[in-house]
Amino acid sequence: MESIILVIHLMVILALIVSVLMQRSEGGGLGMGGGGGGGIVSVRGSANLLTRTTAVLAVAFFVTSMTLAILASSGTETRSIMEETPAAPTAPAAPAQPEQPAQPGVPLSQ
């Protein structure tokens, strides 16, 4: 489920980037729609379409982001360190006896 929403989220991101870059800025920018005055989609109509598309994609981005955040947080259980019970005390270990160094050997002549 989470991976499906993640793929949809990535596609929405790419479409949102494209729709923002296609919009005409005040200086011209990357806006499309130049050419003759007549046509099926006028400059004003394409601007309104791009604005609406950007708004819909922004809402879809918000919804998928929130859904992914909810899904990610639902899998973990928050635990407090105060809720943990302390481990039972154990008896202290006996001190280790130091090892006796090996006695030097006396060389035997042959």
N, C-alpha and C. Protein backbone atom coordinates (compact mmCIF):
# COMPACT_ATOMS: atom_id res chain seq x y z
N MET A 1 0.83 -1.19 0.00
CA MET A 1 0.00 0.00 0.00
C MET A 1 0.87 1.25 0.00
N GLU A 2 1.88 1.22 0.86
CA GLU A 2 2.74 2.39 0.99
C GLU A 2 3.53 2.63 -0.29
N SER A 3 3.97 1.57 -0.94
CA SER A 3 4.75 1.74 -2.16
C SER A 3 3.88 2.27 -3.31
N ILE A 4 2.61 1.88 -3.35
CA ILE A 4 1.71 2.39 -4.39
C ILE A 4 1.51 3.90 -4.22
N ILE A 5 1.28 4.32 -2.99
CA ILE A 5 1.09 5.75 -2.73
C ILE A 5 2.38 6.52 -3.01
N LEU A 6 3.52 5.90 -2.72
CA LEU A 6 4.79 6.56 -3.00
C LEU A 6 4.99 6.76 -4.50
N VAL A 7 4.62 5.78 -5.31
CA VAL A 7 4.73 5.92 -6.77
C VAL A 7 3.80 7.01 -7.27
N ILE A 8 2.57 7.05 -6.75
CA ILE A 8 1.62 8.10 -7.13
C ILE A 8 2.17 9.47 -6.72
N HIS A 9 2.76 9.53 -5.55
CA HIS A 9 3.35 10.77 -5.04
C HIS A 9 4.45 11.27 -5.97
N LEU A 10 5.30 10.37 -6.43
CA LEU A 10 6.39 10.77 -7.32
C LEU A 10 5.85 11.24 -8.67
N MET A 11 4.80 10.59 -9.18
CA MET A 11 4.21 11.04 -10.44
C MET A 11 3.57 12.42 -10.29
N VAL A 12 2.93 12.66 -9.15
CA VAL A 12 2.33 13.98 -8.89
C VAL A 12 3.42 15.04 -8.83
N ILE A 13 4.55 14.71 -8.22
CA ILE A 13 5.65 15.67 -8.12
C ILE A 13 6.14 16.06 -9.51
N LEU A 14 6.36 15.06 -10.35
CA LEU A 14 6.84 15.35 -11.70
C LEU A 14 5.84 16.19 -12.50
N ALA A 15 4.56 15.85 -12.40
CA ALA A 15 3.53 16.61 -13.10
C ALA A 15 3.44 18.04 -12.56
N LEU A 16 3.61 18.20 -11.27
CA LEU A 16 3.57 19.54 -10.67
C LEU A 16 4.74 20.39 -11.16
N ILE A 17 5.91 19.79 -11.25
CA ILE A 17 7.08 20.52 -11.75
C ILE A 17 6.84 20.96 -13.19
N VAL A 18 6.33 20.06 -14.01
CA VAL A 18 6.08 20.40 -15.41
C VAL A 18 5.03 21.50 -15.53
N SER A 19 3.95 21.40 -14.76
CA SER A 19 2.89 22.40 -14.86
C SER A 19 3.36 23.78 -14.38
N VAL A 20 4.23 23.82 -13.40
CA VAL A 20 4.75 25.11 -12.94
C VAL A 20 5.70 25.70 -13.99
N LEU A 21 6.53 24.86 -14.58
CA LEU A 21 7.47 25.37 -15.58
C LEU A 21 6.77 25.81 -16.87
N MET A 22 5.62 25.27 -17.17
CA MET A 22 4.92 25.64 -18.40
C MET A 22 4.14 26.94 -18.27
N GLN A 23 3.92 27.40 -17.04
CA GLN A 23 3.14 28.62 -16.86
C GLN A 23 3.93 29.82 -17.33
N ARG A 24 3.22 30.77 -17.84
CA ARG A 24 3.84 31.99 -18.35
C ARG A 24 4.07 32.93 -17.17
N SER A 25 5.29 33.40 -17.08
CA SER A 25 5.59 34.39 -16.05
C SER A 25 5.40 35.78 -16.65
N GLU A 26 5.61 36.80 -15.86
CA GLU A 26 5.42 38.15 -16.38
C GLU A 26 6.45 38.48 -17.45
N GLY A 27 7.62 37.86 -17.38
CA GLY A 27 8.65 38.14 -18.35
C GLY A 27 8.62 37.19 -19.54
N GLY A 28 7.68 36.33 -19.64
CA GLY A 28 7.61 35.39 -20.74
C GLY A 28 8.00 34.00 -20.30
N GLY A 29 9.17 33.83 -19.74
CA GLY A 29 9.61 32.57 -19.17
C GLY A 29 9.51 31.40 -20.13
N LEU A 30 9.07 30.27 -19.64
CA LEU A 30 8.93 29.06 -20.43
C LEU A 30 7.50 28.87 -20.91
N GLY A 31 6.71 29.92 -20.85
CA GLY A 31 5.29 29.80 -21.20
C GLY A 31 5.09 29.40 -22.65
N MET A 32 4.12 28.56 -22.87
CA MET A 32 3.77 28.11 -24.20
C MET A 32 2.50 28.87 -24.60
N GLY A 33 2.16 28.81 -25.83
CA GLY A 33 0.90 29.39 -26.24
C GLY A 33 1.07 30.63 -27.09
N GLY A 34 2.24 30.86 -27.63
CA GLY A 34 2.44 32.00 -28.52
C GLY A 34 1.81 31.69 -29.88
N GLY A 35 2.06 32.50 -30.85
CA GLY A 35 1.56 32.22 -32.18
C GLY A 35 0.36 33.08 -32.50
N GLY A 36 -0.49 32.60 -33.42
CA GLY A 36 -1.65 33.35 -33.87
C GLY A 36 -2.70 33.52 -32.80
N GLY A 37 -3.60 34.48 -33.06
CA GLY A 37 -4.64 34.78 -32.08
C GLY A 37 -5.75 33.74 -32.05
N GLY A 38 -6.04 33.11 -33.18
CA GLY A 38 -7.14 32.15 -33.21
C GLY A 38 -6.65 30.75 -32.90
N GLY A 39 -7.52 29.97 -32.37
CA GLY A 39 -7.16 28.58 -32.08
C GLY A 39 -8.15 27.99 -31.11
N ILE A 40 -8.05 26.73 -30.92
CA ILE A 40 -8.98 26.06 -30.00
C ILE A 40 -8.72 26.49 -28.57
N VAL A 41 -7.44 26.51 -28.19
CA VAL A 41 -7.08 26.93 -26.83
C VAL A 41 -6.35 28.25 -26.94
N SER A 42 -6.96 29.29 -26.42
CA SER A 42 -6.32 30.60 -26.48
C SER A 42 -5.29 30.71 -25.36
N VAL A 43 -4.53 31.80 -25.36
CA VAL A 43 -3.51 32.01 -24.34
C VAL A 43 -4.16 32.12 -22.97
N ARG A 44 -5.27 32.84 -22.91
CA ARG A 44 -5.96 33.00 -21.63
C ARG A 44 -6.53 31.67 -21.16
N GLY A 45 -7.09 30.90 -22.07
CA GLY A 45 -7.65 29.60 -21.70
C GLY A 45 -6.59 28.63 -21.24
N SER A 46 -5.41 28.64 -21.88
CA SER A 46 -4.34 27.75 -21.45
C SER A 46 -3.78 28.18 -20.10
N ALA A 47 -3.76 29.49 -19.83
CA ALA A 47 -3.29 29.97 -18.54
C ALA A 47 -4.23 29.52 -17.43
N ASN A 48 -5.54 29.61 -17.68
CA ASN A 48 -6.50 29.15 -16.68
C ASN A 48 -6.40 27.65 -16.47
N LEU A 49 -6.20 26.90 -17.55
CA LEU A 49 -6.07 25.45 -17.45
C LEU A 49 -4.82 25.07 -16.65
N LEU A 50 -3.72 25.75 -16.93
CA LEU A 50 -2.48 25.45 -16.19
C LEU A 50 -2.60 25.84 -14.72
N THR A 51 -3.28 26.94 -14.44
CA THR A 51 -3.47 27.36 -13.05
C THR A 51 -4.32 26.34 -12.30
N ARG A 52 -5.38 25.88 -12.93
CA ARG A 52 -6.24 24.87 -12.29
C ARG A 52 -5.49 23.55 -12.12
N THR A 53 -4.74 23.18 -13.13
CA THR A 53 -3.97 21.94 -13.05
C THR A 53 -2.95 22.01 -11.92
N THR A 54 -2.28 23.14 -11.79
CA THR A 54 -1.31 23.31 -10.72
C THR A 54 -1.98 23.23 -9.36
N ALA A 55 -3.15 23.83 -9.22
CA ALA A 55 -3.87 23.78 -7.95
C ALA A 55 -4.29 22.36 -7.61
N VAL A 56 -4.79 21.62 -8.59
CA VAL A 56 -5.21 20.23 -8.33
C VAL A 56 -4.01 19.37 -7.97
N LEU A 57 -2.90 19.56 -8.68
CA LEU A 57 -1.70 18.79 -8.38
C LEU A 57 -1.13 19.15 -7.01
N ALA A 58 -1.24 20.41 -6.62
CA ALA A 58 -0.78 20.82 -5.29
C ALA A 58 -1.60 20.15 -4.20
N VAL A 59 -2.90 20.07 -4.39
CA VAL A 59 -3.77 19.39 -3.42
C VAL A 59 -3.43 17.89 -3.38
N ALA A 60 -3.20 17.28 -4.55
CA ALA A 60 -2.84 15.87 -4.59
C ALA A 60 -1.50 15.63 -3.90
N PHE A 61 -0.56 16.56 -4.09
CA PHE A 61 0.73 16.45 -3.42
C PHE A 61 0.57 16.51 -1.90
N PHE A 62 -0.25 17.42 -1.43
CA PHE A 62 -0.49 17.55 0.01
C PHE A 62 -1.13 16.29 0.57
N VAL A 63 -2.13 15.77 -0.13
CA VAL A 63 -2.85 14.58 0.34
C VAL A 63 -1.92 13.37 0.38
N THR A 64 -1.15 13.16 -0.68
CA THR A 64 -0.25 12.00 -0.68
C THR A 64 0.86 12.15 0.36
N SER A 65 1.32 13.38 0.59
CA SER A 65 2.34 13.60 1.62
C SER A 65 1.79 13.26 3.00
N MET A 66 0.59 13.72 3.29
CA MET A 66 -0.01 13.43 4.59
C MET A 66 -0.29 11.93 4.75
N THR A 67 -0.75 11.29 3.68
CA THR A 67 -1.01 9.85 3.75
C THR A 67 0.27 9.07 4.01
N LEU A 68 1.33 9.43 3.33
CA LEU A 68 2.61 8.75 3.56
C LEU A 68 3.12 8.98 4.97
N ALA A 69 2.93 10.17 5.50
CA ALA A 69 3.37 10.46 6.87
C ALA A 69 2.57 9.65 7.88
N ILE A 70 1.27 9.53 7.66
CA ILE A 70 0.42 8.75 8.58
C ILE A 70 0.79 7.28 8.51
N LEU A 71 0.99 6.76 7.30
CA LEU A 71 1.37 5.35 7.16
C LEU A 71 2.73 5.06 7.78
N ALA A 72 3.66 5.99 7.66
CA ALA A 72 4.99 5.78 8.22
C ALA A 72 4.96 5.80 9.75
N SER A 73 4.12 6.64 10.32
CA SER A 73 4.09 6.74 11.78
C SER A 73 3.23 5.65 12.43
N SER A 74 2.34 5.03 11.68
CA SER A 74 1.46 4.03 12.28
C SER A 74 2.19 2.72 12.56
N GLY A 75 3.31 2.47 11.92
CA GLY A 75 4.02 1.21 12.11
C GLY A 75 4.92 1.19 13.33
N THR A 76 5.19 2.33 13.92
CA THR A 76 6.10 2.37 15.06
C THR A 76 5.32 2.63 16.34
N GLU A 77 5.78 2.01 17.40
CA GLU A 77 5.16 2.21 18.71
C GLU A 77 6.11 3.04 19.54
N THR A 78 5.62 4.16 20.06
CA THR A 78 6.48 5.00 20.88
C THR A 78 6.53 4.43 22.28
N ARG A 79 7.73 4.36 22.79
CA ARG A 79 7.92 3.84 24.14
C ARG A 79 8.74 4.84 24.93
N SER A 80 8.40 4.96 26.17
CA SER A 80 9.14 5.85 27.04
C SER A 80 10.14 5.04 27.85
N ILE A 81 11.24 5.65 28.17
CA ILE A 81 12.25 4.97 28.99
C ILE A 81 11.73 4.78 30.41
N MET A 82 10.76 5.63 30.80
CA MET A 82 10.20 5.52 32.15
C MET A 82 9.27 4.31 32.28
N GLU A 83 8.73 3.83 31.17
CA GLU A 83 7.81 2.71 31.23
C GLU A 83 8.52 1.36 31.34
N GLU A 84 9.79 1.32 31.06
CA GLU A 84 10.52 0.07 31.13
C GLU A 84 10.76 -0.31 32.58
N THR A 85 10.62 -1.60 32.88
CA THR A 85 10.88 -2.07 34.24
C THR A 85 12.37 -2.30 34.38
N PRO A 86 12.91 -1.95 35.53
CA PRO A 86 14.36 -2.13 35.70
C PRO A 86 14.69 -3.62 35.79
N ALA A 87 15.87 -3.95 35.35
CA ALA A 87 16.32 -5.34 35.41
C ALA A 87 16.54 -5.73 36.87
N ALA A 88 16.35 -7.00 37.17
CA ALA A 88 16.55 -7.49 38.54
C ALA A 88 18.02 -7.34 38.91
N PRO A 89 18.28 -6.88 40.13
CA PRO A 89 19.68 -6.71 40.52
C PRO A 89 20.36 -8.08 40.61
N THR A 90 21.56 -8.13 40.19
CA THR A 90 22.32 -9.38 40.25
C THR A 90 23.41 -9.25 41.29
N ALA A 91 23.84 -10.39 41.79
CA ALA A 91 24.90 -10.38 42.79
C ALA A 91 26.19 -9.94 42.11
N PRO A 92 26.99 -9.17 42.84
CA PRO A 92 28.24 -8.74 42.22
C PRO A 92 29.15 -9.94 41.95
N ALA A 93 29.84 -9.88 40.89
CA ALA A 93 30.73 -10.97 40.52
C ALA A 93 31.92 -10.99 41.47
N ALA A 94 32.40 -12.18 41.73
CA ALA A 94 33.58 -12.32 42.60
C ALA A 94 34.78 -11.74 41.87
N PRO A 95 35.64 -11.07 42.62
CA PRO A 95 36.81 -10.49 41.94
C PRO A 95 37.66 -11.61 41.35
N ALA A 96 38.15 -11.34 40.22
CA ALA A 96 38.97 -12.34 39.52
C ALA A 96 40.30 -12.47 40.23
N GLN A 97 40.73 -13.71 40.39
CA GLN A 97 42.03 -13.97 41.02
C GLN A 97 43.11 -13.70 39.98
N PRO A 98 44.09 -12.92 40.34
CA PRO A 98 45.15 -12.68 39.37
C PRO A 98 45.91 -13.98 39.11
N GLU A 99 46.25 -14.18 37.90
CA GLU A 99 46.98 -15.39 37.54
C GLU A 99 48.41 -15.27 38.04
N GLN A 100 48.92 -16.39 38.52
CA GLN A 100 50.30 -16.41 38.99
C GLN A 100 51.22 -16.46 37.79
N PRO A 101 52.20 -15.63 37.77
CA PRO A 101 53.13 -15.69 36.64
C PRO A 101 53.88 -17.01 36.66
N ALA A 102 54.20 -17.49 35.51
CA ALA A 102 54.96 -18.75 35.42
C ALA A 102 56.33 -18.56 36.01
N GLN A 103 56.77 -19.57 36.75
CA GLN A 103 58.10 -19.52 37.37
C GLN A 103 59.15 -19.72 36.29
N PRO A 104 60.20 -18.94 36.38
CA PRO A 104 61.24 -19.13 35.37
C PRO A 104 61.87 -20.51 35.50
N GLY A 105 62.09 -21.12 34.41
CA GLY A 105 62.69 -22.45 34.43
C GLY A 105 64.19 -22.39 34.50
N VAL A 106 64.74 -23.39 35.05
CA VAL A 106 66.21 -23.47 35.15
C VAL A 106 66.70 -24.26 33.96
N PRO A 107 67.63 -23.70 33.21
CA PRO A 107 68.12 -24.46 32.06
C PRO A 107 68.91 -25.68 32.52
N LEU A 108 68.64 -26.76 31.86
CA LEU A 108 69.34 -27.99 32.18
C LEU A 108 70.43 -28.19 31.14
N SER A 109 71.61 -28.57 31.63
CA SER A 109 72.69 -28.78 30.67
C SER A 109 72.59 -30.19 30.10
N GLN A 110 73.13 -30.35 28.95
CA GLN A 110 73.06 -31.66 28.32
C GLN A 110 74.34 -32.35 28.40
